[in-house]
Amino acid sequence: MNSLSLFKRASRCFDDYPSLAKLAVVCTISGGCYVAYADANGTGGAPPVLEEIKKKKVVVLGTGWAGTSFLKKLNNPSYDVQVISPRNYFAFTPLLPSVTCGTVEARSIVEPIRSIVKKKSIDISFWEAECFKIEAENKKVHCRPNSESSKNGKEEFVVDYDYLIIAMGARPNTFNTPGVVENCNFLKEVEDAQQIRQSVINSFEKASLPTFSDEERKRMLHFVVVGGGPTGVEFAAELHDFVNEDLVKLYPAAKDFVKITLLEASDHILNVFDKRITAFAEEKFQRDGIDVKLGSMVVKVSDKEISTKVRGNDGEITTIPYGMVVWSTGNGTHPVIKDFMQQIGQSNRRALATDEWLRVEGCSTIYALGDCATVNQRKVMEDIAAIFKKADKDNSGTLTVKEFREVIKDICERYPQVELYLKNKKMRDIVDLLKMAKGDVAKEAIELNIEEFKKALSEVDSQMKNLPATAQVAAQQGTYLANCFNRMEEAEKNPEGPIRFREEGRHRFHPFRYKHFGQFAPLGGEQTAAQLPGDWVSIGQSSQWLWYSVYASKLVSWRTRVLVISDWTRRFIFGRDSSGI
């Protein structure tokens, strides 16, 4: 039955049976719906009114942690969602280092994005394409197909949107170092991990040929990792285990030529972790024979040598022969994001600045989350006068403890650095902070003017920190934003967020707050360092099993869970796959 005949039948029904009182028939039609309405008080001669209710168009750029989390949690049927990404799958990126050495197969950590969205009861469609331009003023994104998904790769198309979700992630940060792009391997995508795996095997096969000298074999089997962060450290540990547990059995003659070097520009590896973990990791790598060079900054990479400048060595340049380099030094900005940032006046930043509700600053209908964005937490001192005025309800020019307590919950929610400052200063109540500014006065008698209020809160902004660029942050942001979209209409009528200190009313939603559940650093040899909430640190095999259980539970589907667990089991029984395929 087509839609036209359906409307005719509905119209005839209203005419023939006016005693049905008031009746509305809603018919959903791709991208929107029609409402047919009749009133029983009519004479029966007038046809029902057909009114189209158009769905809001939401365009999601990216299928990484942030974008996929958003799609999985979105359940509001009033949106027409279009997903655009150059890859048609979600990848569990924390296991990429395991893919490089055959511990886990690449297919085990990916889930087709179409398999994820087909389970949804709302309108979601996917296009495998690359966004190369964003027009914020006209609410359009310009895209082109992947070269692999199109014969000529030249066709371009434009997509309109009502809301835009930018979740494109980041690209490797080369710091414009000469030769990095041409000669180094990165570890951002599944394809990167597969290429590294093949390069490692090829290096061993090539070094086994009789046509090379021992010096050449040493160079071919020298693997250099640039960057002592979690990814670089985990890859170095995985590679060490792969070489010593599997490859030396297959290539016994190569054992004496293999060397792994880790270059880090700062004073320690794993700087984002507790010092106890950092010290243990450095000692373990030294025992394992991994050469950790601290304070070494890479200045140039050629096809066979990498040049470094060691801090405190009078700027002397040292060259290191290598067979393969893996570059893992943080995140850079995609060209399309750079262009967009110039459009909106953020060209001097490294990532898109958003407010605490993940809206891009200056763009009310564009949201950015994940590695391509950073939350720009507003400072208390920027709003100190507005906060004082809002709290001073009797307009006396002074603020009492009672008045302050009435708004303290909203202040702590809007400015989380206040609560963090109190915690670090071991203050039980924010009134203790006010008392410091007033001196030795009974709490209930404290009364502050604007200058004393500024003095009391003058140091709280020192606790502000940027969120780390991790999968954990991106996933939480995607879930948060989806929950906001699910309640958008309700929140418009009944705002649930904190008080607007500069304006009237309340914010629609509670601001995004990241909850840290801990982090892991696999160090090889079935040993992992875990740093969990509450300053709890665990290092050893027990943490390795915790790592296995947590990562298995976080995989996006039962299919990937079964595959990864079977890969781990296969590795324990048969060893890693060294075929290079």
Protein backbone atom coordinates (compact mmCIF):
# COMPACT_ATOMS: atom_id res chain seq x y z
CA MET A 1 0.00 0.00 0.00
CA ASN A 2 1.54 3.34 -1.00
CA SER A 3 1.42 6.41 1.21
CA LEU A 4 -1.15 8.25 -0.97
CA SER A 5 -3.76 5.47 -0.78
CA LEU A 6 -3.16 5.27 2.98
CA PHE A 7 -3.96 8.97 3.36
CA LYS A 8 -7.13 8.60 1.21
CA ARG A 9 -8.40 5.76 3.37
CA ALA A 10 -7.67 7.72 6.54
CA SER A 11 -9.52 10.73 5.12
CA ARG A 12 -12.55 8.62 4.15
CA CYS A 13 -12.62 7.11 7.63
CA PHE A 14 -12.82 10.54 9.26
CA ASP A 15 -15.63 11.57 6.91
CA ASP A 16 -17.71 8.42 7.40
CA TYR A 17 -17.30 8.14 11.16
CA PRO A 18 -17.27 11.59 12.80
CA SER A 19 -18.25 10.00 16.11
CA LEU A 20 -14.71 8.87 16.56
CA ALA A 21 -14.22 12.12 18.52
CA LYS A 22 -10.68 13.44 18.03
CA LEU A 23 -8.33 11.10 16.28
CA ALA A 24 -4.78 11.56 15.04
CA VAL A 25 -3.01 9.13 12.76
CA VAL A 26 0.77 9.36 12.54
CA CYS A 27 2.51 7.86 9.51
CA THR A 28 6.29 7.65 9.40
CA ILE A 29 7.91 8.25 6.02
CA SER A 30 11.69 8.24 5.50
CA GLY A 31 13.15 11.30 7.19
CA GLY A 32 9.92 12.62 8.71
CA CYS A 33 6.27 11.88 9.38
CA TYR A 34 2.77 13.08 8.52
CA VAL A 35 0.00 13.73 11.01
CA ALA A 36 -3.62 13.29 9.91
CA TYR A 37 -6.05 15.00 12.32
CA ALA A 38 -9.87 15.06 12.51
CA ASP A 39 -12.35 16.66 14.91
CA ALA A 40 -15.67 14.92 15.56
CA ASN A 41 -17.43 18.27 16.02
CA GLY A 42 -17.01 18.94 12.28
CA THR A 43 -19.77 18.37 9.78
CA GLY A 44 -17.91 15.58 8.04
CA GLY A 45 -17.48 17.55 4.83
CA ALA A 46 -13.95 18.87 5.38
CA PRO A 47 -11.00 16.52 4.80
CA PRO A 48 -8.46 15.93 7.57
CA VAL A 49 -5.47 18.22 7.84
CA LEU A 50 -2.15 16.69 6.77
CA GLU A 51 0.85 18.28 8.41
CA GLU A 52 4.45 17.17 7.86
CA ILE A 53 6.69 17.00 10.93
CA LYS A 54 10.28 17.16 9.67
CA LYS A 55 12.98 15.40 11.62
CA LYS A 56 16.12 17.23 12.63
CA LYS A 57 19.11 16.16 10.54
CA VAL A 58 22.12 15.10 12.63
CA VAL A 59 25.40 14.51 10.78
CA VAL A 60 28.08 12.54 12.61
CA LEU A 61 31.65 12.76 11.28
CA GLY A 62 33.72 9.79 12.44
CA THR A 63 33.29 6.23 13.68
CA GLY A 64 35.88 6.18 16.44
CA TRP A 65 35.27 5.97 20.17
CA ALA A 66 33.32 9.22 20.46
CA GLY A 67 31.18 8.82 17.34
CA THR A 68 30.36 5.15 17.95
CA SER A 69 29.47 5.74 21.62
CA PHE A 70 27.13 8.52 20.51
CA LEU A 71 25.44 6.25 17.96
CA LYS A 72 25.07 3.35 20.39
CA LYS A 73 23.36 5.45 23.06
CA LEU A 74 21.17 7.66 20.84
CA ASN A 75 17.54 6.49 20.94
CA ASN A 76 15.48 9.60 20.19
CA PRO A 77 13.40 8.91 17.03
CA SER A 78 12.97 12.62 16.27
CA TYR A 79 16.38 12.72 14.53
CA ASP A 80 17.46 11.64 11.08
CA VAL A 81 21.10 10.61 11.58
CA GLN A 82 23.70 10.48 8.81
CA VAL A 83 27.10 8.99 9.65
CA ILE A 84 30.05 9.88 7.42
CA SER A 85 33.49 8.32 7.87
CA PRO A 86 36.37 7.13 5.64
CA ARG A 87 36.32 3.79 7.46
CA ASN A 88 33.22 1.62 7.70
CA TYR A 89 34.10 0.03 11.02
CA PHE A 90 34.86 0.79 14.66
CA ALA A 91 38.32 -0.25 15.86
CA PHE A 92 39.20 -1.10 19.46
CA THR A 93 42.38 1.00 19.37
CA PRO A 94 43.82 0.01 22.80
CA LEU A 95 44.65 -3.38 21.27
CA LEU A 96 46.50 -2.00 18.23
CA PRO A 97 49.94 -2.74 19.77
CA SER A 98 48.82 -6.37 20.13
CA VAL A 99 47.92 -6.47 16.43
CA THR A 100 51.44 -5.33 15.44
CA CYS A 101 52.95 -8.54 16.80
CA GLY A 102 50.26 -11.11 16.03
CA THR A 103 49.03 -11.42 19.61
CA VAL A 104 45.60 -10.40 18.34
CA GLU A 105 44.34 -10.48 14.76
CA ALA A 106 43.19 -7.26 13.12
CA ARG A 107 39.73 -8.63 12.28
CA SER A 108 39.19 -9.41 15.98
CA ILE A 109 39.22 -5.77 17.09
CA VAL A 110 36.96 -4.26 14.42
CA GLU A 111 33.18 -4.18 14.19
CA PRO A 112 31.36 -3.02 11.01
CA ILE A 113 29.60 0.24 11.73
CA ARG A 114 26.57 -0.96 9.76
CA SER A 115 26.24 -3.91 12.16
CA ILE A 116 26.11 -1.46 15.04
CA VAL A 117 23.56 0.96 13.58
CA LYS A 118 21.23 -1.71 12.14
CA LYS A 119 20.36 -2.73 15.70
CA LYS A 120 19.00 0.77 16.38
CA SER A 121 15.29 1.54 16.17
CA ILE A 122 15.92 5.06 14.87
CA ASP A 123 16.85 6.36 11.41
CA ILE A 124 20.63 6.03 11.00
CA SER A 125 22.39 5.68 7.66
CA PHE A 126 26.09 5.42 6.84
CA TRP A 127 28.22 6.70 3.96
CA GLU A 128 31.86 5.70 3.56
CA ALA A 129 33.33 9.06 2.60
CA GLU A 130 35.75 11.73 3.77
CA CYS A 131 34.69 15.19 4.91
CA PHE A 132 37.11 17.77 3.54
CA LYS A 133 35.28 21.02 4.36
CA ILE A 134 32.82 22.30 6.97
CA GLU A 135 30.64 25.35 6.31
CA ALA A 136 29.36 26.44 9.71
CA GLU A 137 27.56 29.51 8.35
CA ASN A 138 25.52 27.56 5.78
CA LYS A 139 25.24 24.36 7.85
CA LYS A 140 26.83 22.17 5.19
CA VAL A 141 29.65 19.62 5.04
CA HIS A 142 31.52 18.83 1.83
CA CYS A 143 32.51 15.20 1.30
CA ARG A 144 34.11 12.91 -1.25
CA PRO A 145 34.19 9.11 -1.51
CA ASN A 146 37.22 7.10 -0.52
CA SER A 147 39.46 6.36 -3.50
CA GLU A 148 38.88 2.66 -2.82
CA SER A 149 35.10 2.98 -2.79
CA SER A 150 34.94 4.97 -6.02
CA LYS A 151 36.44 4.28 -9.41
CA ASN A 152 37.91 7.73 -9.82
CA GLY A 153 37.59 9.10 -6.30
CA LYS A 154 36.67 12.53 -7.71
CA GLU A 155 32.95 12.80 -6.98
CA GLU A 156 32.11 15.36 -4.30
CA PHE A 157 28.80 15.93 -2.58
CA VAL A 158 27.33 18.28 0.02
CA VAL A 159 25.31 17.30 3.08
CA ASP A 160 23.06 19.71 4.99
CA TYR A 161 22.62 19.41 8.74
CA ASP A 162 20.70 20.83 11.66
CA TYR A 163 23.24 19.49 14.16
CA LEU A 164 26.82 18.50 13.39
CA ILE A 165 28.82 16.08 15.58
CA ILE A 166 32.55 16.28 14.83
CA ALA A 167 34.25 13.11 16.10
CA MET A 168 37.05 12.73 13.57
CA GLY A 169 39.85 11.94 16.00
CA ALA A 170 43.38 13.13 15.32
CA ARG A 171 46.35 12.29 13.16
CA PRO A 172 49.94 11.65 14.33
CA ASN A 173 51.85 14.73 15.42
CA THR A 174 55.15 14.87 13.52
CA PHE A 175 56.17 18.30 14.87
CA ASN A 176 57.20 19.02 11.26
CA THR A 177 60.30 16.89 11.75
CA PRO A 178 61.97 16.27 8.36
CA GLY A 179 61.61 12.73 7.02
CA VAL A 180 59.03 11.46 9.51
CA VAL A 181 56.12 11.12 7.10
CA GLU A 182 58.28 9.50 4.43
CA ASN A 183 60.22 7.02 6.61
CA CYS A 184 58.30 6.27 9.82
CA ASN A 185 55.43 3.98 10.72
CA PHE A 186 52.55 5.32 12.80
CA LEU A 187 50.19 3.47 15.13
CA LYS A 188 46.79 5.15 14.80
CA GLU A 189 44.81 2.83 12.55
CA VAL A 190 44.37 -0.90 12.00
CA GLU A 191 46.20 -0.54 8.69
CA ASP A 192 49.17 0.96 10.55
CA ALA A 193 49.37 -2.05 12.87
CA GLN A 194 49.20 -4.47 9.95
CA GLN A 195 51.96 -2.60 8.12
CA ILE A 196 54.21 -2.67 11.21
CA ARG A 197 53.65 -6.39 11.62
CA GLN A 198 54.62 -7.04 8.01
CA SER A 199 57.67 -4.76 8.31
CA VAL A 200 58.94 -6.66 11.37
CA ILE A 201 58.66 -10.02 9.62
CA ASN A 202 60.22 -8.62 6.43
CA SER A 203 63.17 -7.29 8.44
CA PHE A 204 63.87 -10.75 9.87
CA GLU A 205 63.46 -12.45 6.48
CA LYS A 206 65.75 -9.95 4.79
CA ALA A 207 68.39 -10.24 7.53
CA SER A 208 68.41 -14.02 7.01
CA LEU A 209 69.64 -13.70 3.44
CA PRO A 210 73.34 -14.50 2.85
CA THR A 211 74.00 -11.34 0.82
CA PHE A 212 74.25 -8.94 3.79
CA SER A 213 77.07 -8.18 6.21
CA ASP A 214 76.69 -8.35 9.98
CA GLU A 215 76.63 -4.54 10.13
CA GLU A 216 73.74 -4.48 7.69
CA ARG A 217 71.91 -7.13 9.72
CA LYS A 218 72.34 -5.06 12.89
CA ARG A 219 70.81 -2.07 11.14
CA MET A 220 67.91 -4.07 9.68
CA LEU A 221 67.05 -5.58 13.06
CA HIS A 222 67.31 -2.32 15.00
CA PHE A 223 63.75 -1.27 15.85
CA VAL A 224 63.35 2.30 17.11
CA VAL A 225 60.26 3.57 18.93
CA VAL A 226 59.89 7.35 19.18
CA GLY A 227 57.70 8.44 22.09
CA GLY A 228 57.60 7.13 25.65
CA GLY A 229 53.88 7.46 26.19
CA PRO A 230 51.49 4.54 26.80
CA THR A 231 51.30 3.52 23.12
CA GLY A 232 55.06 3.65 22.51
CA VAL A 233 55.85 1.78 25.72
CA GLU A 234 53.25 -0.92 25.09
CA PHE A 235 54.47 -1.45 21.52
CA ALA A 236 58.11 -1.72 22.66
CA ALA A 237 57.06 -4.31 25.27
CA GLU A 238 54.95 -6.27 22.75
CA LEU A 239 57.80 -6.26 20.22
CA HIS A 240 60.29 -7.45 22.85
CA ASP A 241 58.03 -10.40 23.76
CA PHE A 242 57.38 -11.20 20.09
CA VAL A 243 61.10 -11.29 19.31
CA ASN A 244 62.22 -13.24 22.37
CA GLU A 245 59.31 -15.68 22.70
CA ASP A 246 58.59 -16.41 19.04
CA LEU A 247 60.89 -14.98 16.37
CA VAL A 248 64.24 -16.10 17.80
CA LYS A 249 62.96 -19.68 17.60
CA LEU A 250 62.29 -19.25 13.90
CA TYR A 251 65.33 -17.08 13.17
CA PRO A 252 68.00 -18.33 15.64
CA ALA A 253 70.83 -16.71 13.68
CA ALA A 254 69.24 -13.26 14.10
CA LYS A 255 69.12 -13.33 17.90
CA ASP A 256 72.41 -11.51 18.45
CA PHE A 257 71.55 -8.73 16.01
CA VAL A 258 68.17 -7.63 17.37
CA LYS A 259 67.95 -4.37 19.30
CA ILE A 260 65.00 -2.26 20.48
CA THR A 261 65.51 1.43 21.30
CA LEU A 262 62.95 3.76 22.87
CA LEU A 263 63.53 7.51 22.40
CA GLU A 264 61.80 9.94 24.76
CA ALA A 265 62.35 13.72 24.73
CA SER A 266 61.43 14.25 28.40
CA ASP A 267 63.11 12.99 31.58
CA HIS A 268 60.94 9.87 32.01
CA ILE A 269 58.67 7.52 30.10
CA LEU A 270 54.97 7.19 31.02
CA ASN A 271 54.82 10.73 32.39
CA VAL A 272 51.03 10.58 32.76
CA PHE A 273 51.34 7.71 35.25
CA ASP A 274 52.30 7.56 38.91
CA LYS A 275 56.04 7.88 39.57
CA ARG A 276 56.11 4.35 40.98
CA ILE A 277 54.92 2.98 37.64
CA THR A 278 57.39 5.13 35.72
CA ALA A 279 60.31 3.91 37.82
CA PHE A 280 59.25 0.26 37.54
CA ALA A 281 58.81 0.51 33.75
CA GLU A 282 62.26 2.04 33.25
CA GLU A 283 63.90 -0.61 35.45
CA LYS A 284 62.07 -3.45 33.71
CA PHE A 285 63.02 -2.21 30.25
CA GLN A 286 66.63 -1.98 31.36
CA ARG A 287 66.50 -5.59 32.58
CA ASP A 288 64.85 -6.71 29.34
CA GLY A 289 67.56 -5.08 27.24
CA ILE A 290 65.34 -2.35 25.76
CA ASP A 291 67.57 0.71 25.36
CA VAL A 292 65.67 3.70 26.78
CA LYS A 293 67.23 7.02 25.77
CA LEU A 294 65.74 9.87 27.79
CA GLY A 295 66.08 13.52 26.83
CA SER A 296 66.54 12.55 23.16
CA MET A 297 64.72 14.73 20.66
CA VAL A 298 64.50 13.54 17.06
CA VAL A 299 65.53 16.24 14.58
CA LYS A 300 65.62 14.29 11.30
CA VAL A 301 64.79 10.88 9.88
CA SER A 302 66.36 9.52 6.69
CA ASP A 303 65.74 6.18 5.02
CA LYS A 304 68.43 4.43 7.09
CA GLU A 305 69.35 6.76 9.97
CA ILE A 306 67.56 8.73 12.63
CA SER A 307 69.21 11.89 14.02
CA THR A 308 68.69 12.93 17.62
CA LYS A 309 69.77 15.83 19.80
CA VAL A 310 70.37 14.94 23.43
CA ARG A 311 69.50 17.59 25.98
CA GLY A 312 72.52 18.79 27.92
CA ASN A 313 74.98 17.56 25.31
CA ASP A 314 75.82 21.00 23.86
CA GLY A 315 73.36 20.45 21.04
CA GLU A 316 75.41 17.65 19.53
CA ILE A 317 73.58 15.63 16.86
CA THR A 318 73.80 11.84 17.08
CA THR A 319 72.82 9.52 14.21
CA ILE A 320 71.42 6.05 14.84
CA PRO A 321 71.15 3.42 12.07
CA TYR A 322 67.77 1.67 12.07
CA GLY A 323 65.70 -0.89 10.22
CA MET A 324 62.24 0.32 11.25
CA VAL A 325 60.92 3.36 13.15
CA VAL A 326 57.53 3.59 14.86
CA TRP A 327 56.53 7.19 15.58
CA SER A 328 54.20 7.62 18.57
CA THR A 329 54.46 11.17 19.88
CA GLY A 330 50.91 12.37 20.41
CA ASN A 331 48.12 13.88 18.36
CA GLY A 332 48.07 16.36 15.50
CA THR A 333 45.16 18.14 13.80
CA HIS A 334 43.41 16.97 10.65
CA PRO A 335 43.54 19.50 7.77
CA VAL A 336 39.74 19.80 7.66
CA ILE A 337 39.71 20.68 11.37
CA LYS A 338 42.47 23.27 10.86
CA ASP A 339 40.47 24.90 8.08
CA PHE A 340 37.33 24.91 10.22
CA MET A 341 39.21 26.42 13.16
CA GLN A 342 40.38 29.28 10.95
CA GLN A 343 36.77 29.93 9.92
CA ILE A 344 35.60 30.33 13.51
CA GLY A 345 38.60 32.21 14.88
CA GLN A 346 40.40 29.34 16.64
CA SER A 347 43.43 29.14 14.34
CA ASN A 348 45.94 29.47 17.19
CA ARG A 349 44.79 26.28 18.92
CA ARG A 350 45.82 22.63 18.54
CA ALA A 351 42.29 21.26 18.93
CA LEU A 352 38.73 22.57 18.66
CA ALA A 353 37.71 24.45 21.79
CA THR A 354 34.31 23.51 23.19
CA ASP A 355 32.34 24.59 26.21
CA GLU A 356 31.46 22.24 29.04
CA TRP A 357 28.46 20.97 27.05
CA LEU A 358 30.78 19.94 24.15
CA ARG A 359 29.48 22.69 21.86
CA VAL A 360 32.13 24.28 19.67
CA GLU A 361 32.67 27.80 20.95
CA GLY A 362 30.80 30.24 18.73
CA CYS A 363 28.74 27.50 17.02
CA SER A 364 25.51 26.63 18.83
CA THR A 365 24.60 23.66 16.58
CA ILE A 366 28.05 22.09 16.21
CA TYR A 367 29.52 19.70 18.78
CA ALA A 368 33.06 18.30 18.90
CA LEU A 369 34.30 15.41 21.00
CA GLY A 370 37.17 12.98 21.25
CA ASP A 371 40.76 13.66 20.24
CA CYS A 372 39.87 16.47 17.82
CA ALA A 373 38.53 18.69 20.61
CA THR A 374 39.32 19.98 24.07
CA VAL A 375 36.90 21.23 26.72
CA ASN A 376 37.62 24.88 27.53
CA GLN A 377 36.57 25.01 31.17
CA ARG A 378 35.47 28.52 32.11
CA LYS A 379 37.45 30.21 34.88
CA VAL A 380 35.82 31.30 38.11
CA MET A 381 37.61 34.65 38.05
CA GLU A 382 36.06 35.44 34.65
CA ASP A 383 32.59 35.30 36.23
CA ILE A 384 33.41 36.33 39.78
CA ALA A 385 31.35 39.53 39.66
CA ALA A 386 28.35 37.74 38.15
CA ILE A 387 28.59 34.95 40.75
CA PHE A 388 28.68 37.50 43.57
CA LYS A 389 25.70 39.40 42.17
CA LYS A 390 23.64 36.23 41.73
CA ALA A 391 24.41 35.05 45.27
CA ASP A 392 23.77 38.46 46.85
CA LYS A 393 19.99 38.16 46.75
CA ASP A 394 19.28 41.10 49.05
CA ASN A 395 21.62 43.38 47.05
CA SER A 396 23.38 44.40 50.23
CA GLY A 397 26.80 44.48 48.63
CA THR A 398 28.01 41.74 50.96
CA LEU A 399 27.70 37.96 50.86
CA THR A 400 26.71 35.97 53.94
CA VAL A 401 27.39 32.28 54.52
CA LYS A 402 23.68 31.52 54.14
CA GLU A 403 23.51 33.26 50.76
CA PHE A 404 26.63 31.53 49.56
CA ARG A 405 25.41 28.08 50.60
CA GLU A 406 22.28 28.53 48.48
CA VAL A 407 24.37 28.69 45.29
CA ILE A 408 27.39 26.58 46.23
CA LYS A 409 26.02 23.45 44.53
CA ASP A 410 25.61 25.33 41.26
CA ILE A 411 29.06 26.90 41.59
CA CYS A 412 30.75 23.52 42.11
CA GLU A 413 28.86 22.01 39.17
CA ARG A 414 29.59 24.91 36.84
CA TYR A 415 33.20 25.30 38.00
CA PRO A 416 34.53 21.87 39.09
CA GLN A 417 37.93 23.36 39.87
CA VAL A 418 36.40 24.82 43.07
CA GLU A 419 35.66 21.38 44.48
CA LEU A 420 39.05 20.05 43.35
CA TYR A 421 40.80 22.97 45.07
CA LEU A 422 38.98 22.27 48.33
CA LYS A 423 39.94 18.59 48.12
CA ASN A 424 43.60 19.36 47.51
CA LYS A 425 43.63 21.88 50.36
CA LYS A 426 41.84 19.33 52.59
CA MET A 427 39.00 21.72 53.39
CA ARG A 428 35.76 20.12 54.56
CA ASP A 429 33.50 22.99 53.51
CA ILE A 430 33.77 25.89 51.11
CA VAL A 431 33.01 28.11 54.08
CA ASP A 432 36.54 27.28 55.26
CA LEU A 433 37.75 28.95 52.07
CA LEU A 434 35.74 32.07 52.84
CA LYS A 435 37.04 32.08 56.39
CA MET A 436 40.63 32.17 55.11
CA ALA A 437 39.84 35.40 53.30
CA LYS A 438 38.06 36.95 56.30
CA GLY A 439 40.36 35.88 59.08
CA ASP A 440 39.52 34.60 62.55
CA VAL A 441 35.74 35.01 62.47
CA ALA A 442 32.98 32.58 63.43
CA LYS A 443 31.65 30.81 60.35
CA GLU A 444 28.07 32.04 60.60
CA ALA A 445 29.28 35.62 61.11
CA ILE A 446 31.34 35.69 57.93
CA GLU A 447 30.26 38.45 55.57
CA LEU A 448 32.35 39.23 52.47
CA ASN A 449 32.35 42.13 50.07
CA ILE A 450 33.27 41.66 46.42
CA GLU A 451 37.01 42.19 46.94
CA GLU A 452 37.16 39.71 49.81
CA PHE A 453 35.15 37.25 47.72
CA LYS A 454 37.67 37.58 44.88
CA LYS A 455 40.51 36.99 47.31
CA ALA A 456 38.86 33.83 48.65
CA LEU A 457 38.51 32.29 45.16
CA SER A 458 41.62 33.76 43.56
CA GLU A 459 43.58 30.49 43.45
CA VAL A 460 40.91 27.94 42.53
CA ASP A 461 41.54 28.26 38.78
CA SER A 462 45.06 26.89 39.30
CA GLN A 463 43.48 23.41 39.53
CA MET A 464 42.22 23.46 35.94
CA LYS A 465 43.61 20.68 33.71
CA ASN A 466 42.89 19.57 30.17
CA LEU A 467 41.34 16.15 29.73
CA PRO A 468 43.68 13.45 28.38
CA ALA A 469 43.26 12.38 24.76
CA THR A 470 42.20 8.81 25.55
CA ALA A 471 39.54 6.36 24.39
CA GLN A 472 38.02 6.53 27.86
CA VAL A 473 37.37 10.28 27.59
CA ALA A 474 36.02 10.04 24.03
CA ALA A 475 33.63 7.21 24.91
CA GLN A 476 32.23 9.09 27.91
CA GLN A 477 31.76 12.22 25.81
CA GLY A 478 29.85 10.29 23.16
CA THR A 479 27.57 8.75 25.77
CA TYR A 480 26.99 12.11 27.46
CA LEU A 481 26.09 13.88 24.22
CA ALA A 482 23.72 11.10 23.17
CA ASN A 483 21.90 11.41 26.50
CA CYS A 484 21.58 15.15 25.92
CA PHE A 485 20.08 14.59 22.46
CA ASN A 486 17.72 11.98 23.89
CA ARG A 487 16.32 14.56 26.32
CA MET A 488 16.62 17.66 24.14
CA GLU A 489 12.88 18.50 23.94
CA GLU A 490 12.29 17.80 27.62
CA ALA A 491 15.28 19.88 28.72
CA GLU A 492 14.11 22.82 26.61
CA LYS A 493 10.94 22.96 28.70
CA ASN A 494 12.47 21.94 32.04
CA PRO A 495 16.18 22.84 32.22
CA GLU A 496 18.14 20.59 34.55
CA GLY A 497 21.58 22.22 34.58
CA PRO A 498 23.17 24.73 36.97
CA ILE A 499 22.19 28.39 37.31
CA ARG A 500 23.25 30.74 34.52
CA PHE A 501 25.33 33.26 36.45
CA ARG A 502 25.58 35.78 33.61
CA GLU A 503 21.97 35.36 32.47
CA GLU A 504 18.60 34.33 33.83
CA GLY A 505 17.38 30.77 34.29
CA ARG A 506 19.30 27.54 34.16
CA HIS A 507 21.38 25.68 31.60
CA ARG A 508 19.50 22.96 29.71
CA PHE A 509 21.81 20.15 30.81
CA HIS A 510 24.36 19.32 33.45
CA PRO A 511 27.84 19.98 32.03
CA PHE A 512 30.04 17.08 30.94
CA ARG A 513 32.14 15.63 33.73
CA TYR A 514 34.80 13.05 33.04
CA LYS A 515 35.00 10.15 35.49
CA HIS A 516 38.38 8.46 35.55
CA PHE A 517 38.24 4.68 35.96
CA GLY A 518 41.99 4.12 35.86
CA GLN A 519 44.55 3.28 33.20
CA PHE A 520 46.82 0.40 32.25
CA ALA A 521 50.35 0.15 30.92
CA PRO A 522 51.27 -3.36 29.68
CA LEU A 523 55.02 -3.80 30.15
CA GLY A 524 55.57 -7.23 28.60
CA GLY A 525 56.36 -10.57 30.17
CA GLU A 526 52.74 -10.90 31.36
CA GLN A 527 53.22 -7.88 33.62
CA THR A 528 51.02 -4.79 33.54
CA ALA A 529 50.98 -1.62 35.60
CA ALA A 530 47.55 -0.43 36.70
CA GLN A 531 46.75 2.96 38.16
CA LEU A 532 43.22 3.02 39.51
CA PRO A 533 41.12 5.68 41.28
CA GLY A 534 42.09 6.45 44.84
CA ASP A 535 45.83 6.52 44.07
CA TRP A 536 45.86 2.73 43.96
CA VAL A 537 48.78 1.27 42.01
CA SER A 538 49.24 -2.39 41.12
CA ILE A 539 52.07 -3.90 39.10
CA GLY A 540 52.51 -7.51 38.09
CA GLN A 541 50.70 -10.55 36.71
CA SER A 542 47.54 -9.90 38.72
CA SER A 543 47.22 -6.55 36.93
CA GLN A 544 47.76 -8.33 33.61
CA TRP A 545 44.73 -10.54 34.26
CA LEU A 546 42.76 -7.47 35.30
CA TRP A 547 43.80 -5.90 31.98
CA TYR A 548 42.54 -8.97 30.11
CA SER A 549 39.16 -8.90 31.85
CA VAL A 550 38.61 -5.14 31.50
CA TYR A 551 39.54 -5.00 27.82
CA ALA A 552 37.45 -8.07 27.01
CA SER A 553 34.42 -6.48 28.69
CA LYS A 554 34.89 -3.18 26.83
CA LEU A 555 34.89 -4.71 23.34
CA VAL A 556 31.94 -3.48 21.32
CA SER A 557 30.23 -6.81 20.54
CA TRP A 558 30.13 -10.47 21.56
CA ARG A 559 31.68 -11.34 18.21
CA THR A 560 34.82 -9.29 18.93
CA ARG A 561 34.96 -10.57 22.52
CA VAL A 562 34.95 -14.19 21.35
CA LEU A 563 37.56 -13.48 18.66
CA VAL A 564 39.94 -11.60 20.96
CA ILE A 565 39.69 -14.19 23.74
CA SER A 566 40.32 -16.96 21.22
CA ASP A 567 43.36 -15.03 19.92
CA TRP A 568 44.73 -14.76 23.45
CA THR A 569 44.12 -18.48 24.00
CA ARG A 570 45.80 -19.37 20.69
CA ARG A 571 48.82 -17.27 21.64
CA PHE A 572 49.19 -19.08 24.98
CA ILE A 573 49.04 -22.50 23.29
CA PHE A 574 50.71 -22.00 19.91
CA GLY A 575 52.54 -18.68 20.18
CA ARG A 576 52.08 -15.58 18.03
CA ASP A 577 51.48 -15.74 14.30
CA SER A 578 54.72 -14.84 12.50
CA SER A 579 53.48 -15.22 8.92
CA GLY A 580 53.27 -11.47 8.39
CA ILE A 581 49.86 -11.74 6.73
